[in-house]
Amino acid sequence: MKFGGTSVADIDRLNRVAARLIERAKAGDDVVVVVSAMGKVTDDLIGLAHQANPKPCKREMDMLLSTGEQVSIALLAMAIQKQGYEAVSFTGAQVGIITDSVYSKAKIVRIDAACVLEALIQKKIVIVAGFQGRTVDGQITTLGRGGSDTTAVALAAGIKADACEIYSDVDGVYSADPRIVPKAHKLDTVSYEEMLEMAASGAGVLSMRSVEFARNFDVVIHCRHSFKPADVPGTIVRGEDPSMEDAVVSAVTHDTNEAKITIRGVPDRPGIAASVFGTLGQNNVNVDMIIQNISDAGLTDISFTAPEDDITSVTSALEICLKEIGARTWNIDRDIAKVSIIGAGMKSHPGITAKMFKALAEEGINLDLISTSPIRVSCIIAADQAETAVRVLHTAFGLDQE
């Protein structure tokens, strides 16, 4: 079971989580819980770091940010013990969550969960700090955005748990953001592939890396509300079955946290794109959409999108790379949004893309970049048109529900 920061934001909520865990343990379940830092603690720590140093190094940031989860696990263990049940807390390093050495966005290499299994044998509730691990040489690392989800799913795979329940302040995965689309409805079941596309396109319920782990190790995820009764179901994320293709489009997502980078005057010859995106990869930049214009007089333009969080790394990489390849200039457009339609049924229903483009055109929404997969179509549009686009597409594909 994983509880996010809002679920453990204060002592009252910690006590409510503790009671829920004890209830499950008394029902006969072996309970392992992963928790995030309390409320806005991580944001506060980031603020302190930038007061101390406007450009803090990533190693020390990981050392600092990992303390937020340590506070949560210790307090939750104390709350459980106060209610008369045995509990023990572990940091990511103590559990043996071994990562690579990429600070601030480390990837899990393996998990040695012997101490977790031993504590379960002793009938203790096991509490593990999310979002963190250690390298083989003992350096503290953090897993980046959505890291506690990733910890929970990876740990579930490592101990062969029956399921991984992700608790937050929403009661499942919706057909669109209900804050924007009042008629959005909760999805009972979502396939791994659909959830991967949704997470990559802006849906914030689960991190993309946690869904990748779940798919690779066949971990069933149940997204649930932290404080609704235990018998209220959420959304199940699992392997695809034929019934999932009944709905052509399952969800409409949007993401306003991306930027578009355009490199102008790029020499049009073999190896240039490899040089540009190789350098970005070495700087741990996650590139999304890519488009290259038709060559004119031996020069072309290359545009791509990347998370706004990576812009500093993008800038560093391009300042080096562009001199080497002889490009003319480059610029960043932050005033964009990505809007996507996603559904397993899109694989067997032609005409979906045309329907999407027509619905947006009728609202006067211009498309900048476009990318597709067998179950997703994404468009880059102006940021101030994102909410309108989501509502229009939700209606156009019959997802509105009274």
Protein backbone atom coordinates (compact mmCIF):
# COMPACT_ATOMS: atom_id res chain seq x y z
CA MET A 1 0.00 0.00 0.00
CA LYS A 2 1.37 3.41 -0.93
CA PHE A 3 0.20 6.71 0.54
CA GLY A 4 1.12 10.06 -1.00
CA GLY A 5 2.05 13.30 0.71
CA THR A 6 -1.49 14.63 1.11
CA SER A 7 -2.53 11.36 2.77
CA VAL A 8 0.05 11.83 5.53
CA ALA A 9 0.08 15.64 5.61
CA ASP A 10 -0.45 15.93 9.38
CA ILE A 11 -0.68 13.79 12.53
CA ASP A 12 -4.46 13.39 12.23
CA ARG A 13 -4.12 11.95 8.74
CA LEU A 14 -1.18 9.78 9.83
CA ASN A 15 -3.40 8.31 12.55
CA ARG A 16 -6.14 7.59 10.01
CA VAL A 17 -3.64 5.82 7.75
CA ALA A 18 -2.31 3.88 10.75
CA ALA A 19 -5.84 2.70 11.61
CA ARG A 20 -6.38 1.57 8.02
CA LEU A 21 -3.14 -0.42 8.01
CA ILE A 22 -3.95 -2.08 11.34
CA GLU A 23 -7.39 -3.04 10.02
CA ARG A 24 -5.81 -4.79 7.04
CA ALA A 25 -3.22 -6.54 9.21
CA LYS A 26 -5.90 -7.79 11.63
CA ALA A 27 -7.85 -9.13 8.66
CA GLY A 28 -4.90 -11.43 7.99
CA ASP A 29 -2.95 -9.55 5.33
CA ASP A 30 0.82 -9.10 5.41
CA VAL A 31 1.07 -5.31 5.06
CA VAL A 32 3.92 -3.31 3.56
CA VAL A 33 3.36 0.43 3.16
CA VAL A 34 5.39 2.99 1.21
CA VAL A 35 4.91 6.65 2.15
CA SER A 36 5.91 10.00 0.70
CA ALA A 37 7.07 13.09 2.56
CA MET A 38 4.36 14.89 4.52
CA GLY A 39 2.38 17.51 2.60
CA LYS A 40 4.62 20.25 1.24
CA VAL A 41 7.78 19.12 3.05
CA THR A 42 9.66 18.37 -0.17
CA ASP A 43 8.79 21.80 -1.59
CA ASP A 44 9.95 23.43 1.66
CA LEU A 45 13.25 21.56 1.53
CA ILE A 46 13.80 22.65 -2.08
CA GLY A 47 13.16 26.23 -0.99
CA LEU A 48 15.72 25.96 1.81
CA ALA A 49 18.25 24.48 -0.59
CA HIS A 50 17.96 27.40 -2.97
CA GLN A 51 18.33 29.83 -0.10
CA ALA A 52 21.60 28.15 0.81
CA ASN A 53 22.79 27.88 -2.80
CA PRO A 54 20.86 29.02 -5.91
CA LYS A 55 22.50 26.19 -7.85
CA PRO A 56 22.81 23.28 -5.40
CA CYS A 57 24.56 20.15 -6.63
CA LYS A 58 22.32 17.15 -7.27
CA ARG A 59 24.14 14.86 -4.82
CA GLU A 60 23.46 17.16 -1.89
CA MET A 61 19.88 17.73 -3.06
CA ASP A 62 19.30 13.97 -2.89
CA MET A 63 20.84 13.86 0.57
CA LEU A 64 18.48 16.65 1.67
CA LEU A 65 15.26 15.54 -0.01
CA SER A 66 15.54 11.95 1.20
CA THR A 67 15.03 13.20 4.76
CA GLY A 68 11.40 14.12 4.07
CA GLU A 69 10.32 10.50 3.74
CA GLN A 70 12.33 9.50 6.82
CA VAL A 71 10.17 11.83 8.91
CA SER A 72 6.99 10.23 7.52
CA ILE A 73 8.01 6.61 8.09
CA ALA A 74 9.15 7.17 11.67
CA LEU A 75 5.99 9.09 12.64
CA LEU A 76 3.74 6.52 10.98
CA ALA A 77 5.49 3.68 12.83
CA MET A 78 4.99 5.58 16.10
CA ALA A 79 1.28 6.13 15.31
CA ILE A 80 0.76 2.42 14.62
CA GLN A 81 2.60 1.45 17.80
CA LYS A 82 0.45 3.86 19.82
CA GLN A 83 -2.64 2.04 18.53
CA GLY A 84 -1.27 -1.22 19.85
CA TYR A 85 0.23 -2.91 16.81
CA GLU A 86 3.86 -3.68 15.95
CA ALA A 87 5.48 -1.72 13.13
CA VAL A 88 8.99 -1.07 11.85
CA SER A 89 10.27 1.59 9.46
CA PHE A 90 13.06 1.35 6.89
CA THR A 91 14.74 3.84 4.59
CA GLY A 92 15.20 2.94 0.95
CA ALA A 93 18.86 2.22 1.62
CA GLN A 94 18.03 -0.14 4.51
CA VAL A 95 15.57 -2.07 2.38
CA GLY A 96 18.27 -2.51 -0.24
CA ILE A 97 16.75 -0.46 -3.06
CA ILE A 98 19.84 -0.30 -5.27
CA THR A 99 19.86 2.34 -8.00
CA ASP A 100 22.17 3.68 -10.66
CA SER A 101 24.16 6.82 -9.84
CA VAL A 102 22.06 9.43 -11.69
CA TYR A 103 21.24 11.85 -8.88
CA SER A 104 17.71 13.33 -8.73
CA LYS A 105 16.26 10.79 -11.19
CA ALA A 106 17.94 7.47 -10.36
CA LYS A 107 16.60 4.20 -11.75
CA ILE A 108 16.15 1.10 -9.59
CA VAL A 109 18.57 -1.68 -10.51
CA ARG A 110 17.51 -4.30 -7.96
CA ILE A 111 15.90 -4.73 -4.55
CA ASP A 112 17.15 -6.87 -1.68
CA ALA A 113 14.01 -7.06 0.47
CA ALA A 114 15.23 -9.60 3.04
CA CYS A 115 14.58 -7.29 6.00
CA VAL A 116 11.02 -6.68 4.78
CA LEU A 117 10.23 -10.37 4.55
CA GLU A 118 11.80 -11.02 7.96
CA ALA A 119 9.66 -8.31 9.56
CA LEU A 120 6.52 -9.75 7.94
CA ILE A 121 7.33 -13.15 9.42
CA GLN A 122 7.35 -11.39 12.79
CA LYS A 123 3.83 -10.06 12.00
CA LYS A 124 4.94 -6.43 11.90
CA ILE A 125 3.56 -3.77 9.59
CA VAL A 126 6.52 -2.72 7.44
CA ILE A 127 6.90 0.94 6.51
CA VAL A 128 9.31 1.91 3.72
CA ALA A 129 10.44 5.37 2.64
CA GLY A 130 9.42 6.06 -0.94
CA PHE A 131 11.33 8.08 -3.54
CA GLN A 132 14.81 6.98 -2.47
CA GLY A 133 17.52 4.34 -2.68
CA ARG A 134 21.27 3.99 -2.70
CA THR A 135 24.00 3.19 -5.18
CA VAL A 136 26.17 0.10 -4.89
CA ASP A 137 28.81 2.21 -3.14
CA GLY A 138 26.34 3.59 -0.59
CA GLN A 139 25.47 7.01 -2.02
CA ILE A 140 21.93 8.24 -1.29
CA THR A 141 19.81 8.80 -4.42
CA THR A 142 16.27 9.90 -5.18
CA LEU A 143 14.05 8.57 -7.95
CA GLY A 144 12.59 11.79 -9.31
CA ARG A 145 8.97 12.72 -9.97
CA GLY A 146 6.57 9.94 -8.95
CA GLY A 147 9.38 8.14 -7.15
CA SER A 148 7.22 6.81 -4.31
CA ASP A 149 4.87 5.13 -6.81
CA THR A 150 7.90 3.52 -8.42
CA THR A 151 9.20 2.38 -5.02
CA ALA A 152 5.85 0.79 -4.17
CA VAL A 153 5.44 -1.11 -7.45
CA ALA A 154 9.09 -2.23 -7.50
CA LEU A 155 8.83 -3.42 -3.90
CA ALA A 156 5.58 -5.24 -4.69
CA ALA A 157 7.37 -7.02 -7.53
CA GLY A 158 10.39 -7.75 -5.32
CA ILE A 159 8.37 -9.44 -2.55
CA LYS A 160 5.80 -10.93 -4.96
CA ALA A 161 2.87 -9.09 -3.37
CA ASP A 162 -0.67 -10.00 -4.40
CA ALA A 163 -1.33 -6.42 -5.44
CA CYS A 164 -0.07 -2.87 -5.10
CA GLU A 165 -2.62 -0.35 -3.84
CA ILE A 166 -1.80 3.30 -4.58
CA TYR A 167 -3.71 5.70 -2.30
CA SER A 168 -4.06 9.42 -3.01
CA ASP A 169 -6.62 12.22 -2.79
CA VAL A 170 -8.42 10.99 -5.92
CA ASP A 171 -10.45 7.80 -6.10
CA GLY A 172 -9.08 6.41 -9.34
CA VAL A 173 -8.19 7.18 -12.94
CA TYR A 174 -10.67 9.43 -14.76
CA SER A 175 -11.57 9.90 -18.42
CA ALA A 176 -10.21 13.48 -18.06
CA ASP A 177 -9.20 15.84 -15.28
CA PRO A 178 -12.52 16.28 -13.37
CA ARG A 179 -11.45 19.78 -12.34
CA ILE A 180 -11.65 20.75 -16.03
CA VAL A 181 -14.35 18.36 -17.27
CA PRO A 182 -17.22 18.05 -14.75
CA LYS A 183 -18.69 15.16 -16.75
CA ALA A 184 -15.50 13.07 -16.57
CA HIS A 185 -16.05 9.59 -15.10
CA LYS A 186 -13.91 7.11 -13.20
CA LEU A 187 -12.55 4.19 -15.22
CA ASP A 188 -13.02 0.76 -13.62
CA THR A 189 -10.15 -0.89 -15.49
CA VAL A 190 -7.21 0.43 -17.51
CA SER A 191 -4.59 -1.60 -19.37
CA TYR A 192 -0.89 -1.13 -18.69
CA GLU A 193 -0.40 0.29 -22.19
CA GLU A 194 -3.22 2.80 -21.83
CA MET A 195 -1.96 3.87 -18.40
CA LEU A 196 1.57 4.29 -19.76
CA GLU A 197 0.28 6.59 -22.49
CA MET A 198 -1.89 8.50 -20.01
CA ALA A 199 0.98 8.97 -17.55
CA ALA A 200 3.29 10.13 -20.35
CA SER A 201 0.63 12.56 -21.59
CA GLY A 202 -0.11 14.38 -18.35
CA ALA A 203 -2.36 12.19 -16.18
CA GLY A 204 -0.94 12.58 -12.69
CA VAL A 205 -2.49 9.61 -10.88
CA LEU A 206 0.46 7.28 -11.51
CA SER A 207 4.03 7.90 -12.63
CA MET A 208 5.07 6.40 -15.95
CA ARG A 209 8.01 4.52 -14.41
CA SER A 210 5.76 2.82 -11.86
CA VAL A 211 3.47 1.59 -14.64
CA GLU A 212 6.48 0.31 -16.60
CA PHE A 213 7.54 -1.70 -13.55
CA ALA A 214 4.00 -3.04 -13.15
CA ARG A 215 3.82 -4.13 -16.78
CA ASN A 216 7.27 -5.69 -16.81
CA PHE A 217 6.64 -7.69 -13.63
CA ASP A 218 2.87 -8.18 -13.98
CA VAL A 219 2.01 -6.28 -10.80
CA VAL A 220 -1.70 -5.44 -10.51
CA ILE A 221 -2.18 -1.82 -9.37
CA HIS A 222 -5.32 -0.61 -7.59
CA CYS A 223 -5.63 3.21 -7.50
CA ARG A 224 -7.79 4.17 -4.51
CA HIS A 225 -8.84 7.12 -2.35
CA SER A 226 -6.97 7.43 0.94
CA PHE A 227 -9.97 8.24 3.10
CA LYS A 228 -12.96 6.60 1.45
CA PRO A 229 -14.25 3.32 2.95
CA ALA A 230 -12.28 0.16 2.21
CA ASP A 231 -15.13 -1.30 0.16
CA VAL A 232 -15.18 1.64 -2.30
CA PRO A 233 -13.35 0.44 -5.44
CA GLY A 234 -10.93 2.55 -7.43
CA THR A 235 -9.33 1.82 -10.80
CA ILE A 236 -7.54 -1.46 -11.56
CA VAL A 237 -4.48 -1.24 -13.82
CA ARG A 238 -3.57 -4.62 -15.31
CA GLY A 239 -2.83 -6.53 -18.50
CA GLU A 240 -5.11 -5.95 -21.48
CA ASP A 241 -8.04 -8.23 -22.35
CA PRO A 242 -10.34 -8.13 -25.44
CA SER A 243 -13.12 -6.24 -23.62
CA MET A 244 -10.84 -3.22 -23.18
CA GLU A 245 -11.09 -2.52 -26.92
CA ASP A 246 -14.85 -1.90 -26.66
CA ALA A 247 -14.19 1.77 -25.87
CA VAL A 248 -12.47 3.43 -28.82
CA VAL A 249 -11.18 6.34 -26.72
CA SER A 250 -10.90 5.85 -22.97
CA ALA A 251 -9.46 9.17 -21.84
CA VAL A 252 -8.38 12.69 -22.80
CA THR A 253 -5.25 13.99 -21.09
CA HIS A 254 -3.32 17.23 -21.11
CA ASP A 255 0.10 18.41 -19.97
CA THR A 256 1.13 22.05 -19.55
CA ASN A 257 4.56 21.26 -18.10
CA GLU A 258 6.40 20.83 -21.40
CA ALA A 259 8.35 23.25 -23.54
CA LYS A 260 9.08 23.22 -27.28
CA ILE A 261 12.67 23.70 -28.35
CA THR A 262 13.48 24.60 -31.97
CA ILE A 263 16.98 24.45 -33.44
CA ARG A 264 17.25 26.56 -36.59
CA GLY A 265 19.69 26.38 -39.46
CA VAL A 266 20.83 22.81 -38.83
CA PRO A 267 23.09 21.31 -41.53
CA ASP A 268 21.08 18.58 -43.26
CA ARG A 269 23.51 15.69 -43.32
CA PRO A 270 23.71 12.21 -41.76
CA GLY A 271 24.69 12.07 -38.10
CA ILE A 272 23.45 15.53 -37.06
CA ALA A 273 20.28 14.30 -35.34
CA ALA A 274 22.29 11.55 -33.63
CA SER A 275 24.71 14.17 -32.32
CA VAL A 276 21.95 16.47 -30.99
CA PHE A 277 19.84 13.83 -29.28
CA GLY A 278 22.88 11.87 -28.14
CA THR A 279 24.08 14.94 -26.25
CA LEU A 280 20.61 15.48 -24.77
CA GLY A 281 20.52 11.85 -23.66
CA GLN A 282 23.90 12.17 -21.98
CA ASN A 283 22.42 15.08 -20.02
CA ASN A 284 19.46 12.89 -18.93
CA VAL A 285 16.90 14.91 -20.90
CA ASN A 286 13.67 13.04 -21.70
CA VAL A 287 12.74 14.10 -25.22
CA ASP A 288 9.13 13.61 -26.31
CA MET A 289 7.90 14.74 -29.73
CA ILE A 290 10.41 15.35 -32.54
CA ILE A 291 9.88 16.89 -35.98
CA GLN A 292 12.38 17.87 -38.69
CA ASN A 293 11.39 20.25 -41.48
CA ILE A 294 12.14 19.75 -45.16
CA SER A 295 15.66 20.80 -46.09
CA ASP A 296 16.15 24.17 -47.81
CA ALA A 297 19.56 25.03 -49.26
CA GLY A 298 21.17 22.29 -47.17
CA LEU A 299 19.72 23.56 -43.89
CA THR A 300 16.75 22.41 -41.84
CA ASP A 301 15.00 23.07 -38.51
CA ILE A 302 14.54 20.49 -35.76
CA SER A 303 11.86 20.89 -33.09
CA PHE A 304 11.25 18.71 -30.05
CA THR A 305 9.46 18.86 -26.72
CA ALA A 306 10.88 18.17 -23.26
CA PRO A 307 9.70 18.59 -19.65
CA GLU A 308 10.10 22.12 -18.30
CA ASP A 309 12.01 20.59 -15.38
CA ASP A 310 14.73 19.57 -17.86
CA ILE A 311 15.18 23.00 -19.50
CA THR A 312 18.38 23.77 -17.56
CA SER A 313 19.89 20.50 -18.81
CA VAL A 314 18.60 21.20 -22.34
CA THR A 315 20.29 24.61 -22.31
CA SER A 316 23.61 23.17 -21.14
CA ALA A 317 23.52 20.42 -23.75
CA LEU A 318 22.59 22.63 -26.70
CA GLU A 319 25.15 25.33 -25.92
CA ILE A 320 27.82 22.67 -26.39
CA CYS A 321 26.22 20.71 -29.21
CA LEU A 322 25.18 23.57 -31.49
CA LYS A 323 28.72 24.88 -31.82
CA GLU A 324 29.87 21.42 -32.84
CA ILE A 325 27.21 20.91 -35.53
CA GLY A 326 27.23 24.50 -36.81
CA ALA A 327 23.54 25.32 -36.28
CA ARG A 328 22.45 28.95 -36.60
CA THR A 329 20.34 29.50 -33.47
CA TRP A 330 17.71 27.97 -31.16
CA ASN A 331 14.78 29.08 -29.03
CA ILE A 332 12.41 27.78 -26.32
CA ASP A 333 8.61 28.17 -26.33
CA ARG A 334 7.16 27.53 -22.86
CA ASP A 335 3.63 28.65 -23.72
CA ILE A 336 2.45 25.28 -25.04
CA ALA A 337 0.32 22.34 -23.93
CA LYS A 338 0.07 18.74 -25.06
CA VAL A 339 -3.42 17.31 -25.48
CA SER A 340 -3.90 13.60 -26.14
CA ILE A 341 -6.63 11.04 -26.75
CA ILE A 342 -5.91 7.48 -25.58
CA GLY A 343 -7.70 4.17 -25.99
CA ALA A 344 -6.94 0.52 -26.65
CA GLY A 345 -9.79 0.46 -29.19
CA MET A 346 -8.02 2.96 -31.44
CA LYS A 347 -5.97 0.10 -32.89
CA SER A 348 -9.00 -1.29 -34.71
CA HIS A 349 -11.02 1.86 -35.48
CA PRO A 350 -9.85 4.04 -38.42
CA GLY A 351 -10.72 7.71 -38.65
CA ILE A 352 -10.00 8.61 -35.02
CA THR A 353 -7.23 11.07 -35.87
CA ALA A 354 -9.40 12.89 -38.42
CA LYS A 355 -12.24 13.14 -35.90
CA MET A 356 -9.87 14.65 -33.32
CA PHE A 357 -8.46 17.21 -35.76
CA LYS A 358 -11.94 18.19 -36.96
CA ALA A 359 -13.23 18.73 -33.40
CA LEU A 360 -10.26 20.97 -32.58
CA ALA A 361 -10.49 22.87 -35.88
CA GLU A 362 -14.15 23.70 -35.25
CA GLU A 363 -13.04 25.44 -32.05
CA GLY A 364 -10.33 27.38 -33.90
CA ILE A 365 -7.53 25.47 -32.16
CA ASN A 366 -4.35 25.33 -34.27
CA LEU A 367 -2.05 22.29 -34.12
CA ASP A 368 1.70 22.77 -33.86
CA LEU A 369 3.27 19.32 -33.49
CA ILE A 370 1.57 15.93 -33.81
CA SER A 371 2.67 12.47 -32.70
CA THR A 372 0.92 9.11 -32.60
CA SER A 373 1.18 5.57 -31.29
CA PRO A 374 -1.22 2.66 -31.94
CA ILE A 375 -3.36 3.77 -28.97
CA ARG A 376 -2.63 7.53 -28.68
CA VAL A 377 -2.74 10.74 -30.69
CA SER A 378 -1.06 13.83 -29.19
CA CYS A 379 -1.03 17.44 -30.37
CA ILE A 380 0.90 20.47 -29.23
CA ILE A 381 -1.32 23.56 -29.00
CA ALA A 382 -1.23 26.97 -27.34
CA ALA A 383 -1.31 26.65 -23.54
CA ASP A 384 -4.31 28.95 -23.11
CA GLN A 385 -6.44 26.64 -25.31
CA ALA A 386 -5.68 23.42 -23.40
CA GLU A 387 -8.77 23.31 -21.18
CA THR A 388 -11.09 24.08 -24.08
CA ALA A 389 -9.45 21.35 -26.16
CA VAL A 390 -9.87 18.75 -23.39
CA ARG A 391 -13.58 19.54 -22.96
CA VAL A 392 -14.20 19.52 -26.72
CA LEU A 393 -12.50 16.16 -27.25
CA HIS A 394 -14.17 14.60 -24.20
CA THR A 395 -17.55 15.46 -25.72
CA ALA A 396 -16.59 14.55 -29.31
CA PHE A 397 -15.63 11.00 -28.34
CA GLY A 398 -18.71 10.35 -26.23
CA LEU A 399 -17.01 10.38 -22.83
CA ASP A 400 -19.35 12.87 -21.12
CA GLN A 401 -21.39 11.25 -18.39
CA GLU A 402 -24.22 12.93 -16.48
